[in-house]
Amino acid sequence: MAPLNRIVLDFLNGHRKALLAVVSPDHRPKVSLMLYAIDENFHFYFGTRQAFKKYAWMQENAQVSLAVAEEALDPLRVVEVQGVVHFIAPDKTEETLRFFESKNPSKYYVKGAEDFVMFRVEPEHVRWLDATSGELTMTDVELVLPEHTHEDEHAA
């Protein structure tokens, strides 16, 4: 793994919350604060309820953006991601939830709901913003990921 990829992945593993942006049918953005977990391939895992608008909107338009920011005033460090949503198959939700909870021990308010679903965001673009040097640098992260298939996807 490239050194920058490891730095960004370590940063993401050190955080628990992301701002997830989805697009409504009338093309208006909606941002939600979401708990997440991430794997070694930069795949982000989230859970939601089918009753929430973002679920239907992501079914209609799977393109999303998300941001994870350092929760300190300075120095600024942020990861921005654009990617595609893939819903987890119902028979793989429990296994995915176990993985999620092993990575993110935060209280998970929606997980017990009857209409709970999980989804994965596969990144198409990742940008790292870092001001620890005193100057803001923005670097596109080159995602060199292994070829893979996902047996956990729910057919649309």
C-alpha atoms as a PDB file:
ATOM      1  CA  MET A   1       0.000   0.000   0.000  1.00  0.00           C
ATOM      2  CA  ALA A   2       1.292   3.457  -0.903  1.00  0.00           C
ATOM      3  CA  PRO A   3       2.442   5.557   2.097  1.00  0.00           C
ATOM      4  CA  LEU A   4      -0.239   8.235   1.549  1.00  0.00           C
ATOM      5  CA  ASN A   5      -2.933   5.557   1.330  1.00  0.00           C
ATOM      6  CA  ARG A   6      -1.797   4.168   4.702  1.00  0.00           C
ATOM      7  CA  ILE A   7      -1.840   7.675   6.271  1.00  0.00           C
ATOM      8  CA  VAL A   8      -5.367   8.316   4.980  1.00  0.00           C
ATOM      9  CA  LEU A   9      -6.617   4.865   5.991  1.00  0.00           C
ATOM     10  CA  ASP A  10      -5.141   5.273   9.495  1.00  0.00           C
ATOM     11  CA  PHE A  11      -6.854   8.674   9.756  1.00  0.00           C
ATOM     12  CA  LEU A  12     -10.198   7.167   8.689  1.00  0.00           C
ATOM     13  CA  ASN A  13      -9.815   4.238  11.106  1.00  0.00           C
ATOM     14  CA  GLY A  14      -9.236   6.775  13.883  1.00  0.00           C
ATOM     15  CA  HIS A  15     -12.606   8.432  13.321  1.00  0.00           C
ATOM     16  CA  ARG A  16     -16.197   7.247  13.677  1.00  0.00           C
ATOM     17  CA  LYS A  17     -18.458   9.787  11.931  1.00  0.00           C
ATOM     18  CA  ALA A  18     -18.818  11.012   8.373  1.00  0.00           C
ATOM     19  CA  LEU A  19     -21.036  13.525   6.654  1.00  0.00           C
ATOM     20  CA  LEU A  20     -22.787  11.681   3.841  1.00  0.00           C
ATOM     21  CA  ALA A  21     -24.337  13.679   0.988  1.00  0.00           C
ATOM     22  CA  VAL A  22     -27.064  12.187  -1.197  1.00  0.00           C
ATOM     23  CA  VAL A  23     -29.169  13.770  -3.921  1.00  0.00           C
ATOM     24  CA  SER A  24     -32.957  14.022  -3.810  1.00  0.00           C
ATOM     25  CA  PRO A  25     -35.134  13.346  -6.868  1.00  0.00           C
ATOM     26  CA  ASP A  26     -35.426  17.126  -7.401  1.00  0.00           C
ATOM     27  CA  HIS A  27     -31.597  17.333  -7.421  1.00  0.00           C
ATOM     28  CA  ARG A  28     -31.215  18.938  -3.995  1.00  0.00           C
ATOM     29  CA  PRO A  29     -28.369  17.697  -1.800  1.00  0.00           C
ATOM     30  CA  LYS A  30     -29.078  16.286   1.660  1.00  0.00           C
ATOM     31  CA  VAL A  31     -26.342  15.730   4.217  1.00  0.00           C
ATOM     32  CA  SER A  32     -26.584  13.240   7.093  1.00  0.00           C
ATOM     33  CA  LEU A  33     -24.213  12.606   9.965  1.00  0.00           C
ATOM     34  CA  MET A  34     -23.474   8.875   9.829  1.00  0.00           C
ATOM     35  CA  LEU A  35     -21.429   6.375  11.786  1.00  0.00           C
ATOM     36  CA  TYR A  36     -19.128   4.366   9.522  1.00  0.00           C
ATOM     37  CA  ALA A  37     -16.571   1.598   9.358  1.00  0.00           C
ATOM     38  CA  ILE A  38     -13.938   1.212   6.665  1.00  0.00           C
ATOM     39  CA  ASP A  39     -12.073  -1.786   5.295  1.00  0.00           C
ATOM     40  CA  GLU A  40      -8.566  -2.021   3.843  1.00  0.00           C
ATOM     41  CA  ASN A  41      -9.925  -1.351   0.326  1.00  0.00           C
ATOM     42  CA  PHE A  42     -11.348   2.057   1.308  1.00  0.00           C
ATOM     43  CA  HIS A  43     -14.909   0.725   1.275  1.00  0.00           C
ATOM     44  CA  PHE A  44     -17.097   2.611   3.753  1.00  0.00           C
ATOM     45  CA  TYR A  45     -19.919   0.739   5.520  1.00  0.00           C
ATOM     46  CA  PHE A  46     -23.033   2.435   6.856  1.00  0.00           C
ATOM     47  CA  GLY A  47     -26.455   1.482   8.144  1.00  0.00           C
ATOM     48  CA  THR A  48     -29.789   3.241   7.811  1.00  0.00           C
ATOM     49  CA  ARG A  49     -33.506   2.598   7.832  1.00  0.00           C
ATOM     50  CA  GLN A  50     -35.647   2.093   4.760  1.00  0.00           C
ATOM     51  CA  ALA A  51     -38.065   4.644   6.244  1.00  0.00           C
ATOM     52  CA  PHE A  52     -35.474   7.406   5.895  1.00  0.00           C
ATOM     53  CA  LYS A  53     -35.568   9.491   2.709  1.00  0.00           C
ATOM     54  CA  LYS A  54     -31.893   8.936   1.977  1.00  0.00           C
ATOM     55  CA  TYR A  55     -32.549   5.205   1.486  1.00  0.00           C
ATOM     56  CA  ALA A  56     -35.014   5.791  -1.374  1.00  0.00           C
ATOM     57  CA  TRP A  57     -32.863   8.540  -2.810  1.00  0.00           C
ATOM     58  CA  MET A  58     -29.773   6.302  -2.869  1.00  0.00           C
ATOM     59  CA  GLN A  59     -31.846   3.592  -4.584  1.00  0.00           C
ATOM     60  CA  GLU A  60     -32.634   6.147  -7.286  1.00  0.00           C
ATOM     61  CA  ASN A  61     -29.180   7.753  -7.495  1.00  0.00           C
ATOM     62  CA  ALA A  62     -26.285   5.712  -6.108  1.00  0.00           C
ATOM     63  CA  GLN A  63     -23.718   8.520  -6.498  1.00  0.00           C
ATOM     64  CA  VAL A  64     -22.788   9.981  -3.092  1.00  0.00           C
ATOM     65  CA  SER A  65     -20.134  12.118  -1.459  1.00  0.00           C
ATOM     66  CA  LEU A  66     -18.832  11.952   2.062  1.00  0.00           C
ATOM     67  CA  ALA A  67     -16.380  13.807   4.256  1.00  0.00           C
ATOM     68  CA  VAL A  68     -14.549  12.877   7.436  1.00  0.00           C
ATOM     69  CA  ALA A  69     -12.960  15.797   9.280  1.00  0.00           C
ATOM     70  CA  GLU A  70     -10.669  16.076  12.258  1.00  0.00           C
ATOM     71  CA  GLU A  71     -12.824  17.121  15.190  1.00  0.00           C
ATOM     72  CA  ALA A  72     -10.239  19.629  16.444  1.00  0.00           C
ATOM     73  CA  LEU A  73     -10.009  23.280  15.500  1.00  0.00           C
ATOM     74  CA  ASP A  74      -6.477  23.012  14.116  1.00  0.00           C
ATOM     75  CA  PRO A  75      -4.729  21.566  12.258  1.00  0.00           C
ATOM     76  CA  LEU A  76      -7.255  20.858   9.556  1.00  0.00           C
ATOM     77  CA  ARG A  77      -7.271  17.296   8.213  1.00  0.00           C
ATOM     78  CA  VAL A  78     -10.134  16.082   6.021  1.00  0.00           C
ATOM     79  CA  VAL A  79     -10.868  13.177   3.701  1.00  0.00           C
ATOM     80  CA  GLU A  80     -13.356  13.813   0.892  1.00  0.00           C
ATOM     81  CA  VAL A  81     -14.799  10.884  -1.066  1.00  0.00           C
ATOM     82  CA  GLN A  82     -17.033  10.509  -4.103  1.00  0.00           C
ATOM     83  CA  GLY A  83     -18.365   7.030  -4.701  1.00  0.00           C
ATOM     84  CA  VAL A  84     -21.163   4.615  -5.463  1.00  0.00           C
ATOM     85  CA  VAL A  85     -23.582   2.977  -3.031  1.00  0.00           C
ATOM     86  CA  HIS A  86     -24.051  -0.801  -3.009  1.00  0.00           C
ATOM     87  CA  PHE A  87     -26.723  -2.183  -0.686  1.00  0.00           C
ATOM     88  CA  ILE A  88     -25.790  -5.250   1.362  1.00  0.00           C
ATOM     89  CA  ALA A  89     -27.900  -8.373   0.747  1.00  0.00           C
ATOM     90  CA  PRO A  90     -30.263  -9.131   3.667  1.00  0.00           C
ATOM     91  CA  ASP A  91     -28.583 -12.490   4.335  1.00  0.00           C
ATOM     92  CA  LYS A  92     -25.190 -10.718   4.690  1.00  0.00           C
ATOM     93  CA  THR A  93     -26.389  -7.867   6.918  1.00  0.00           C
ATOM     94  CA  GLU A  94     -25.640  -9.596  10.225  1.00  0.00           C
ATOM     95  CA  GLU A  95     -22.071 -10.449   9.182  1.00  0.00           C
ATOM     96  CA  THR A  96     -21.526  -6.913   7.875  1.00  0.00           C
ATOM     97  CA  LEU A  97     -22.943  -5.445  11.086  1.00  0.00           C
ATOM     98  CA  ARG A  98     -20.508  -7.556  13.153  1.00  0.00           C
ATOM     99  CA  PHE A  99     -17.621  -6.173  11.077  1.00  0.00           C
ATOM    100  CA  PHE A 100     -19.023  -2.648  11.487  1.00  0.00           C
ATOM    101  CA  GLU A 101     -19.327  -2.949  15.268  1.00  0.00           C
ATOM    102  CA  SER A 102     -15.810  -4.398  15.555  1.00  0.00           C
ATOM    103  CA  LYS A 103     -14.479  -1.227  13.922  1.00  0.00           C
ATOM    104  CA  ASN A 104     -16.886   1.360  15.376  1.00  0.00           C
ATOM    105  CA  PRO A 105     -18.055   0.827  18.967  1.00  0.00           C
ATOM    106  CA  SER A 106     -20.294   3.935  19.008  1.00  0.00           C
ATOM    107  CA  LYS A 107     -23.919   3.520  20.105  1.00  0.00           C
ATOM    108  CA  TYR A 108     -25.760   2.565  16.936  1.00  0.00           C
ATOM    109  CA  TYR A 109     -29.284   3.936  17.188  1.00  0.00           C
ATOM    110  CA  VAL A 110     -30.872   2.443  14.055  1.00  0.00           C
ATOM    111  CA  LYS A 111     -29.537  -1.129  14.134  1.00  0.00           C
ATOM    112  CA  GLY A 112     -32.517  -2.686  15.945  1.00  0.00           C
ATOM    113  CA  ALA A 113     -35.129  -1.301  13.558  1.00  0.00           C
ATOM    114  CA  GLU A 114     -37.197  -3.776  11.512  1.00  0.00           C
ATOM    115  CA  ASP A 115     -36.314  -1.914   8.326  1.00  0.00           C
ATOM    116  CA  PHE A 116     -32.562  -1.662   9.088  1.00  0.00           C
ATOM    117  CA  VAL A 117     -30.321  -2.025   6.032  1.00  0.00           C
ATOM    118  CA  MET A 118     -26.608  -1.688   5.466  1.00  0.00           C
ATOM    119  CA  PHE A 119     -24.771  -0.315   2.461  1.00  0.00           C
ATOM    120  CA  ARG A 120     -21.223   0.064   1.252  1.00  0.00           C
ATOM    121  CA  VAL A 121     -19.744   3.061  -0.555  1.00  0.00           C
ATOM    122  CA  GLU A 122     -17.045   2.143  -3.035  1.00  0.00           C
ATOM    123  CA  PRO A 123     -14.873   5.183  -3.702  1.00  0.00           C
ATOM    124  CA  GLU A 124     -14.262   6.552  -7.172  1.00  0.00           C
ATOM    125  CA  HIS A 125     -12.245   9.517  -5.945  1.00  0.00           C
ATOM    126  CA  VAL A 126     -10.544  10.280  -2.622  1.00  0.00           C
ATOM    127  CA  ARG A 127      -8.917  13.587  -1.694  1.00  0.00           C
ATOM    128  CA  TRP A 128      -6.759  14.224   1.396  1.00  0.00           C
ATOM    129  CA  LEU A 129      -6.619  17.767   2.816  1.00  0.00           C
ATOM    130  CA  ASP A 130      -3.873  18.320   5.373  1.00  0.00           C
ATOM    131  CA  ALA A 131      -2.750  21.528   7.094  1.00  0.00           C
ATOM    132  CA  THR A 132      -0.460  20.001   9.741  1.00  0.00           C
ATOM    133  CA  SER A 133       2.537  21.734   8.116  1.00  0.00           C
ATOM    134  CA  GLY A 134       0.877  25.149   8.507  1.00  0.00           C
ATOM    135  CA  GLU A 135      -0.039  25.218   4.814  1.00  0.00           C
ATOM    136  CA  LEU A 136      -3.078  23.478   3.352  1.00  0.00           C
ATOM    137  CA  THR A 137      -2.214  20.742   0.883  1.00  0.00           C
ATOM    138  CA  MET A 138      -4.818  18.895  -1.173  1.00  0.00           C
ATOM    139  CA  THR A 139      -3.761  15.568  -2.633  1.00  0.00           C
ATOM    140  CA  ASP A 140      -5.754  13.112  -4.705  1.00  0.00           C
ATOM    141  CA  VAL A 141      -5.258   9.641  -3.279  1.00  0.00           C
ATOM    142  CA  GLU A 142      -4.405   7.081  -5.922  1.00  0.00           C
ATOM    143  CA  LEU A 143      -6.611   4.090  -5.251  1.00  0.00           C
ATOM    144  CA  VAL A 144      -4.715   1.038  -6.391  1.00  0.00           C
ATOM    145  CA  LEU A 145      -7.050  -1.635  -5.145  1.00  0.00           C
ATOM    146  CA  PRO A 146      -7.058  -5.347  -5.833  1.00  0.00           C
ATOM    147  CA  GLU A 147      -9.626  -6.782  -8.191  1.00  0.00           C
ATOM    148  CA  HIS A 148     -12.501  -7.990  -6.080  1.00  0.00           C
ATOM    149  CA  THR A 149     -16.073  -9.104  -6.134  1.00  0.00           C
ATOM    150  CA  HIS A 150     -18.678  -8.676  -3.451  1.00  0.00           C
ATOM    151  CA  GLU A 151     -20.948 -11.539  -2.547  1.00  0.00           C
ATOM    152  CA  ASP A 152     -22.737  -9.322  -0.060  1.00  0.00           C
ATOM    153  CA  GLU A 153     -24.542  -7.121  -2.580  1.00  0.00           C
ATOM    154  CA  HIS A 154     -28.295  -6.972  -2.750  1.00  0.00           C
ATOM    155  CA  ALA A 155     -29.541  -7.239  -6.324  1.00  0.00           C
ATOM    156  CA  ALA A 156     -31.453  -4.127  -7.314  1.00  0.00           C
END
